[in-house]
């Protein structure tokens, strides 16, 4: 995490301050997660499932943002 922070600070130093700062968090209550859990299993105990779904949603979100910014330019 420290390395990622230092990389982002180097980018800011080189390019300039960003106009947007967007964050995304995963929610263990997402329907896609809950539907895959067996009875009495908590989402917190299935980090593989939640991480996989988060990554999928994150890639989709970034793809959507890229399309929006291409239209704006």
PDB file of N, CA and C in Angstrom:
ATOM      1  N   UNK A   1       0.824  -1.181   0.000  1.00  0.00           N
ATOM      2  CA  UNK A   1       0.000   0.000   0.000  1.00  0.00           C
ATOM      3  C   UNK A   1       0.876   1.255   0.000  1.00  0.00           C
ATOM      4  N   UNK A   2       1.950   1.187   0.735  1.00  0.00           N
ATOM      5  CA  UNK A   2       2.863   2.330   0.767  1.00  0.00           C
ATOM      6  C   UNK A   2       3.449   2.596  -0.621  1.00  0.00           C
ATOM      7  N   UNK A   3       3.780   1.524  -1.320  1.00  0.00           N
ATOM      8  CA  UNK A   3       4.354   1.663  -2.657  1.00  0.00           C
ATOM      9  C   UNK A   3       3.343   2.313  -3.615  1.00  0.00           C
ATOM     10  N   UNK A   4       2.095   1.895  -3.526  1.00  0.00           N
ATOM     11  CA  UNK A   4       1.052   2.482  -4.379  1.00  0.00           C
ATOM     12  C   UNK A   4       0.870   3.965  -4.054  1.00  0.00           C
ATOM     13  N   UNK A   5       0.942   4.292  -2.765  1.00  0.00           N
ATOM     14  CA  UNK A   5       0.830   5.693  -2.362  1.00  0.00           C
ATOM     15  C   UNK A   5       1.977   6.510  -2.967  1.00  0.00           C
ATOM     16  N   UNK A   6       3.192   6.001  -2.835  1.00  0.00           N
ATOM     17  CA  UNK A   6       4.346   6.721  -3.363  1.00  0.00           C
ATOM     18  C   UNK A   6       4.272   6.857  -4.881  1.00  0.00           C
ATOM     19  N   UNK A   7       3.784   5.815  -5.559  1.00  0.00           N
ATOM     20  CA  UNK A   7       3.611   5.900  -7.008  1.00  0.00           C
ATOM     21  C   UNK A   7       2.602   6.991  -7.381  1.00  0.00           C
ATOM     22  N   UNK A   8       1.498   7.051  -6.647  1.00  0.00           N
ATOM     23  CA  UNK A   8       0.488   8.067  -6.954  1.00  0.00           C
ATOM     24  C   UNK A   8       1.008   9.474  -6.674  1.00  0.00           C
ATOM     25  N   UNK A   9       1.793   9.634  -5.623  1.00  0.00           N
ATOM     26  CA  UNK A   9       2.368  10.954  -5.334  1.00  0.00           C
ATOM     27  C   UNK A   9       3.366  11.358  -6.411  1.00  0.00           C
ATOM     28  N   UNK A  10       4.103  10.393  -6.949  1.00  0.00           N
ATOM     29  CA  UNK A  10       5.042  10.698  -8.032  1.00  0.00           C
ATOM     30  C   UNK A  10       4.286  11.142  -9.287  1.00  0.00           C
ATOM     31  N   UNK A  11       3.158  10.496  -9.562  1.00  0.00           N
ATOM     32  CA  UNK A  11       2.350  10.910 -10.716  1.00  0.00           C
ATOM     33  C   UNK A  11       1.817  12.329 -10.543  1.00  0.00           C
ATOM     34  N   UNK A  12       1.369  12.645  -9.353  1.00  0.00           N
ATOM     35  CA  UNK A  12       0.856  13.997  -9.092  1.00  0.00           C
ATOM     36  C   UNK A  12       1.963  15.027  -9.261  1.00  0.00           C
ATOM     37  N   UNK A  13       3.148  14.682  -8.763  1.00  0.00           N
ATOM     38  CA  UNK A  13       4.278  15.594  -8.880  1.00  0.00           C
ATOM     39  C   UNK A  13       4.641  15.822 -10.349  1.00  0.00           C
ATOM     40  N   UNK A  14       4.566  14.772 -11.143  1.00  0.00           N
ATOM     41  CA  UNK A  14       4.952  14.870 -12.552  1.00  0.00           C
ATOM     42  C   UNK A  14       3.858  15.502 -13.417  1.00  0.00           C
ATOM     43  N   UNK A  15       2.608  15.113 -13.206  1.00  0.00           N
ATOM     44  CA  UNK A  15       1.526  15.530 -14.104  1.00  0.00           C
ATOM     45  C   UNK A  15       0.766  16.752 -13.618  1.00  0.00           C
ATOM     46  N   UNK A  16       0.386  16.791 -12.383  1.00  0.00           N
ATOM     47  CA  UNK A  16      -0.373  17.876 -11.764  1.00  0.00           C
ATOM     48  C   UNK A  16      -1.432  17.248 -10.876  1.00  0.00           C
ATOM     49  N   UNK A  17      -2.076  18.073 -10.092  1.00  0.00           N
ATOM     50  CA  UNK A  17      -3.120  17.568  -9.205  1.00  0.00           C
ATOM     51  C   UNK A  17      -4.303  17.067 -10.032  1.00  0.00           C
ATOM     52  N   UNK A  18      -4.920  15.977  -9.604  1.00  0.00           N
ATOM     53  CA  UNK A  18      -6.062  15.454 -10.360  1.00  0.00           C
ATOM     54  C   UNK A  18      -7.299  16.335 -10.200  1.00  0.00           C
ATOM     55  N   UNK A  19      -8.154  16.304 -11.206  1.00  0.00           N
ATOM     56  CA  UNK A  19      -9.418  17.033 -11.145  1.00  0.00           C
ATOM     57  C   UNK A  19     -10.467  16.251 -10.365  1.00  0.00           C
ATOM     58  N   UNK A  20     -10.374  14.937 -10.426  1.00  0.00           N
ATOM     59  CA  UNK A  20     -11.326  14.057  -9.743  1.00  0.00           C
ATOM     60  C   UNK A  20     -10.589  13.053  -8.873  1.00  0.00           C
ATOM     61  N   UNK A  21     -11.213  12.682  -7.780  1.00  0.00           N
ATOM     62  CA  UNK A  21     -10.705  11.594  -6.947  1.00  0.00           C
ATOM     63  C   UNK A  21     -11.896  10.703  -6.651  1.00  0.00           C
ATOM     64  N   UNK A  22     -11.909   9.538  -7.244  1.00  0.00           N
ATOM     65  CA  UNK A  22     -13.055   8.643  -7.141  1.00  0.00           C
ATOM     66  C   UNK A  22     -12.666   7.415  -6.339  1.00  0.00           C
ATOM     67  N   UNK A  23     -13.516   7.043  -5.386  1.00  0.00           N
ATOM     68  CA  UNK A  23     -13.275   5.830  -4.618  1.00  0.00           C
ATOM     69  C   UNK A  23     -14.455   4.882  -4.797  1.00  0.00           C
ATOM     70  N   UNK A  24     -14.187   3.625  -4.557  1.00  0.00           N
ATOM     71  CA  UNK A  24     -15.225   2.600  -4.656  1.00  0.00           C
ATOM     72  C   UNK A  24     -14.954   1.571  -3.568  1.00  0.00           C
ATOM     73  N   UNK A  25     -15.989   1.157  -2.884  1.00  0.00           N
ATOM     74  CA  UNK A  25     -15.839   0.146  -1.846  1.00  0.00           C
ATOM     75  C   UNK A  25     -16.721  -1.051  -2.169  1.00  0.00           C
ATOM     76  N   UNK A  26     -16.352  -2.176  -1.597  1.00  0.00           N
ATOM     77  CA  UNK A  26     -17.199  -3.350  -1.810  1.00  0.00           C
ATOM     78  C   UNK A  26     -18.194  -3.482  -0.674  1.00  0.00           C
ATOM     79  N   UNK A  27     -19.325  -4.048  -0.993  1.00  0.00           N
ATOM     80  CA  UNK A  27     -20.403  -4.180  -0.029  1.00  0.00           C
ATOM     81  C   UNK A  27     -20.728  -5.664   0.126  1.00  0.00           C
ATOM     82  N   UNK A  28     -20.542  -6.226   1.321  1.00  0.00           N
ATOM     83  CA  UNK A  28     -20.824  -7.648   1.510  1.00  0.00           C
ATOM     84  C   UNK A  28     -22.303  -7.996   1.360  1.00  0.00           C
ATOM     85  N   UNK A  29     -23.162  -6.993   1.272  1.00  0.00           N
ATOM     86  CA  UNK A  29     -24.593  -7.241   1.114  1.00  0.00           C
ATOM     87  C   UNK A  29     -25.044  -7.179  -0.346  1.00  0.00           C
ATOM     88  N   UNK A  30     -24.105  -7.045  -1.307  1.00  0.00           N
ATOM     89  CA  UNK A  30     -24.477  -7.074  -2.709  1.00  0.00           C
ATOM     90  C   UNK A  30     -25.221  -8.366  -3.002  1.00  0.00           C
ATOM     91  N   UNK A  31     -26.263  -8.284  -3.806  1.00  0.00           N
ATOM     92  CA  UNK A  31     -27.067  -9.461  -4.139  1.00  0.00           C
ATOM     93  C   UNK A  31     -26.228 -10.579  -4.742  1.00  0.00           C
ATOM     94  N   UNK A  32     -25.249 -10.211  -5.574  1.00  0.00           N
ATOM     95  CA  UNK A  32     -24.408 -11.211  -6.228  1.00  0.00           C
ATOM     96  C   UNK A  32     -23.596 -12.016  -5.222  1.00  0.00           C
ATOM     97  N   UNK A  33     -23.201 -11.380  -4.134  1.00  0.00           N
ATOM     98  CA  UNK A  33     -22.435 -12.071  -3.098  1.00  0.00           C
ATOM     99  C   UNK A  33     -23.358 -12.941  -2.262  1.00  0.00           C
ATOM    100  N   UNK A  34     -24.444 -12.358  -1.814  1.00  0.00           N
ATOM    101  CA  UNK A  34     -25.371 -13.072  -0.932  1.00  0.00           C
ATOM    102  C   UNK A  34     -25.920 -14.318  -1.617  1.00  0.00           C
ATOM    103  N   UNK A  35     -26.210 -14.233  -2.904  1.00  0.00           N
ATOM    104  CA  UNK A  35     -26.784 -15.382  -3.606  1.00  0.00           C
ATOM    105  C   UNK A  35     -25.793 -16.540  -3.742  1.00  0.00           C
ATOM    106  N   UNK A  36     -24.494 -16.255  -3.672  1.00  0.00           N
ATOM    107  CA  UNK A  36     -23.479 -17.306  -3.811  1.00  0.00           C
ATOM    108  C   UNK A  36     -23.069 -17.928  -2.476  1.00  0.00           C
ATOM    109  N   UNK A  37     -23.473 -17.329  -1.375  1.00  0.00           N
ATOM    110  CA  UNK A  37     -23.071 -17.841  -0.065  1.00  0.00           C
ATOM    111  C   UNK A  37     -23.929 -19.032   0.346  1.00  0.00           C
ATOM    112  N   UNK A  38     -23.272 -19.998   0.948  1.00  0.00           N
ATOM    113  CA  UNK A  38     -24.015 -21.123   1.513  1.00  0.00           C
ATOM    114  C   UNK A  38     -24.644 -20.677   2.825  1.00  0.00           C
ATOM    115  N   UNK A  39     -25.560 -21.464   3.313  1.00  0.00           N
ATOM    116  CA  UNK A  39     -26.256 -21.131   4.554  1.00  0.00           C
ATOM    117  C   UNK A  39     -25.249 -20.996   5.707  1.00  0.00           C
ATOM    118  N   UNK A  40     -25.431 -19.953   6.505  1.00  0.00           N
ATOM    119  CA  UNK A  40     -24.610 -19.655   7.689  1.00  0.00           C
ATOM    120  C   UNK A  40     -23.155 -19.300   7.374  1.00  0.00           C
ATOM    121  N   UNK A  41     -22.874 -18.935   6.156  1.00  0.00           N
ATOM    122  CA  UNK A  41     -21.535 -18.480   5.795  1.00  0.00           C
ATOM    123  C   UNK A  41     -21.600 -16.972   5.603  1.00  0.00           C
ATOM    124  N   UNK A  42     -20.674 -16.274   6.213  1.00  0.00           N
ATOM    125  CA  UNK A  42     -20.639 -14.815   6.122  1.00  0.00           C
ATOM    126  C   UNK A  42     -19.757 -14.369   4.954  1.00  0.00           C
ATOM    127  N   UNK A  43     -20.115 -13.268   4.370  1.00  0.00           N
ATOM    128  CA  UNK A  43     -19.324 -12.726   3.260  1.00  0.00           C
ATOM    129  C   UNK A  43     -17.905 -12.396   3.713  1.00  0.00           C
ATOM    130  N   UNK A  44     -17.755 -11.999   4.958  1.00  0.00           N
ATOM    131  CA  UNK A  44     -16.432 -11.675   5.483  1.00  0.00           C
ATOM    132  C   UNK A  44     -15.509 -12.887   5.469  1.00  0.00           C
ATOM    133  N   UNK A  45     -16.078 -14.083   5.497  1.00  0.00           N
ATOM    134  CA  UNK A  45     -15.276 -15.308   5.476  1.00  0.00           C
ATOM    135  C   UNK A  45     -15.000 -15.791   4.062  1.00  0.00           C
ATOM    136  N   UNK A  46     -15.553 -15.133   3.078  1.00  0.00           N
ATOM    137  CA  UNK A  46     -15.335 -15.509   1.672  1.00  0.00           C
ATOM    138  C   UNK A  46     -14.721 -14.335   0.918  1.00  0.00           C
ATOM    139  N   UNK A  47     -13.536 -13.949   1.344  1.00  0.00           N
ATOM    140  CA  UNK A  47     -12.872 -12.805   0.712  1.00  0.00           C
ATOM    141  C   UNK A  47     -12.566 -13.085  -0.757  1.00  0.00           C
ATOM    142  N   UNK A  48     -12.384 -14.355  -1.118  1.00  0.00           N
ATOM    143  CA  UNK A  48     -12.147 -14.679  -2.528  1.00  0.00           C
ATOM    144  C   UNK A  48     -13.347 -14.285  -3.384  1.00  0.00           C
ATOM    145  N   UNK A  49     -14.521 -14.571  -2.901  1.00  0.00           N
ATOM    146  CA  UNK A  49     -15.756 -14.250  -3.632  1.00  0.00           C
ATOM    147  C   UNK A  49     -15.973 -12.735  -3.708  1.00  0.00           C
ATOM    148  N   UNK A  50     -15.846 -12.073  -2.569  1.00  0.00           N
ATOM    149  CA  UNK A  50     -16.087 -10.626  -2.563  1.00  0.00           C
ATOM    150  C   UNK A  50     -15.036  -9.878  -3.376  1.00  0.00           C
ATOM    151  N   UNK A  51     -13.800 -10.339  -3.322  1.00  0.00           N
ATOM    152  CA  UNK A  51     -12.738  -9.685  -4.081  1.00  0.00           C
ATOM    153  C   UNK A  51     -12.945  -9.862  -5.577  1.00  0.00           C
ATOM    154  N   UNK A  52     -13.318 -11.072  -5.986  1.00  0.00           N
ATOM    155  CA  UNK A  52     -13.557 -11.343  -7.399  1.00  0.00           C
ATOM    156  C   UNK A  52     -14.693 -10.480  -7.937  1.00  0.00           C
ATOM    157  N   UNK A  53     -15.758 -10.374  -7.185  1.00  0.00           N
ATOM    158  CA  UNK A  53     -16.896  -9.569  -7.615  1.00  0.00           C
ATOM    159  C   UNK A  53     -16.541  -8.081  -7.629  1.00  0.00           C
ATOM    160  N   UNK A  54     -15.827  -7.633  -6.600  1.00  0.00           N
ATOM    161  CA  UNK A  54     -15.414  -6.233  -6.561  1.00  0.00           C
ATOM    162  C   UNK A  54     -14.554  -5.894  -7.764  1.00  0.00           C
ATOM    163  N   UNK A  55     -13.611  -6.756  -8.081  1.00  0.00           N
ATOM    164  CA  UNK A  55     -12.725  -6.500  -9.224  1.00  0.00           C
ATOM    165  C   UNK A  55     -13.530  -6.413 -10.521  1.00  0.00           C
ATOM    166  N   UNK A  56     -14.492  -7.306 -10.672  1.00  0.00           N
ATOM    167  CA  UNK A  56     -15.340  -7.299 -11.861  1.00  0.00           C
ATOM    168  C   UNK A  56     -16.139  -5.994 -11.965  1.00  0.00           C
ATOM    169  N   UNK A  57     -16.753  -5.586 -10.864  1.00  0.00           N
ATOM    170  CA  UNK A  57     -17.530  -4.338 -10.862  1.00  0.00           C
ATOM    171  C   UNK A  57     -16.616  -3.133 -11.084  1.00  0.00           C
ATOM    172  N   UNK A  58     -15.437  -3.169 -10.505  1.00  0.00           N
ATOM    173  CA  UNK A  58     -14.489  -2.070 -10.639  1.00  0.00           C
ATOM    174  C   UNK A  58     -14.039  -1.922 -12.093  1.00  0.00           C
ATOM    175  N   UNK A  59     -13.717  -3.028 -12.751  1.00  0.00           N
ATOM    176  CA  UNK A  59     -13.312  -2.968 -14.156  1.00  0.00           C
ATOM    177  C   UNK A  59     -14.444  -2.440 -15.031  1.00  0.00           C
ATOM    178  N   UNK A  60     -15.662  -2.863 -14.736  1.00  0.00           N
ATOM    179  CA  UNK A  60     -16.820  -2.381 -15.482  1.00  0.00           C
ATOM    180  C   UNK A  60     -17.017  -0.881 -15.270  1.00  0.00           C
ATOM    181  N   UNK A  61     -16.856  -0.444 -14.045  1.00  0.00           N
ATOM    182  CA  UNK A  61     -17.007   0.974 -13.705  1.00  0.00           C
ATOM    183  C   UNK A  61     -15.947   1.822 -14.421  1.00  0.00           C
ATOM    184  N   UNK A  62     -14.709   1.357 -14.397  1.00  0.00           N
ATOM    185  CA  UNK A  62     -13.626   2.090 -15.058  1.00  0.00           C
ATOM    186  C   UNK A  62     -13.865   2.142 -16.562  1.00  0.00           C
ATOM    187  N   UNK A  63     -14.331   1.041 -17.136  1.00  0.00           N
ATOM    188  CA  UNK A  63     -14.651   1.015 -18.563  1.00  0.00           C
ATOM    189  C   UNK A  63     -15.735   2.038 -18.892  1.00  0.00           C
ATOM    190  N   UNK A  64     -16.750   2.114 -18.054  1.00  0.00           N
ATOM    191  CA  UNK A  64     -17.823   3.088 -18.261  1.00  0.00           C
ATOM    192  C   UNK A  64     -17.303   4.517 -18.164  1.00  0.00           C
ATOM    193  N   UNK A  65     -16.435   4.766 -17.199  1.00  0.00           N
ATOM    194  CA  UNK A  65     -15.853   6.111 -17.066  1.00  0.00           C
ATOM    195  C   UNK A  65     -15.016   6.466 -18.283  1.00  0.00           C
ATOM    196  N   UNK A  66     -14.245   5.510 -18.776  1.00  0.00           N
ATOM    197  CA  UNK A  66     -13.438   5.768 -19.969  1.00  0.00           C
ATOM    198  C   UNK A  66     -14.305   6.144 -21.145  1.00  0.00           C
ATOM    199  N   UNK A  67     -15.421   5.469 -21.320  1.00  0.00           N
ATOM    200  CA  UNK A  67     -16.333   5.787 -22.423  1.00  0.00           C
ATOM    201  C   UNK A  67     -16.901   7.197 -22.264  1.00  0.00           C
ATOM    202  N   UNK A  68     -17.248   7.547 -21.042  1.00  0.00           N
ATOM    203  CA  UNK A  68     -17.800   8.893 -20.785  1.00  0.00           C
ATOM    204  C   UNK A  68     -16.769   9.964 -21.107  1.00  0.00           C
ATOM    205  N   UNK A  69     -15.521   9.763 -20.662  1.00  0.00           N
ATOM    206  CA  UNK A  69     -14.507  10.777 -20.884  1.00  0.00           C
ATOM    207  C   UNK A  69     -14.103  10.856 -22.344  1.00  0.00           C
ATOM    208  N   UNK A  70     -14.208   9.759 -23.079  1.00  0.00           N
ATOM    209  CA  UNK A  70     -13.932   9.818 -24.521  1.00  0.00           C
ATOM    210  C   UNK A  70     -14.999  10.631 -25.229  1.00  0.00           C
ATOM    211  N   UNK A  71     -16.232  10.518 -24.787  1.00  0.00           N
ATOM    212  CA  UNK A  71     -17.330  11.285 -25.385  1.00  0.00           C
ATOM    213  C   UNK A  71     -17.151  12.772 -25.097  1.00  0.00           C
ATOM    214  N   UNK A  72     -16.726  13.089 -23.874  1.00  0.00           N
ATOM    215  CA  UNK A  72     -16.564  14.493 -23.469  1.00  0.00           C
ATOM    216  C   UNK A  72     -15.454  15.174 -24.274  1.00  0.00           C
ATOM    217  N   UNK A  73     -14.377  14.461 -24.530  1.00  0.00           N
ATOM    218  CA  UNK A  73     -13.247  15.057 -25.240  1.00  0.00           C
ATOM    219  C   UNK A  73     -13.649  15.315 -26.624  1.00  0.00           C
TER     220      UNK A  73
END
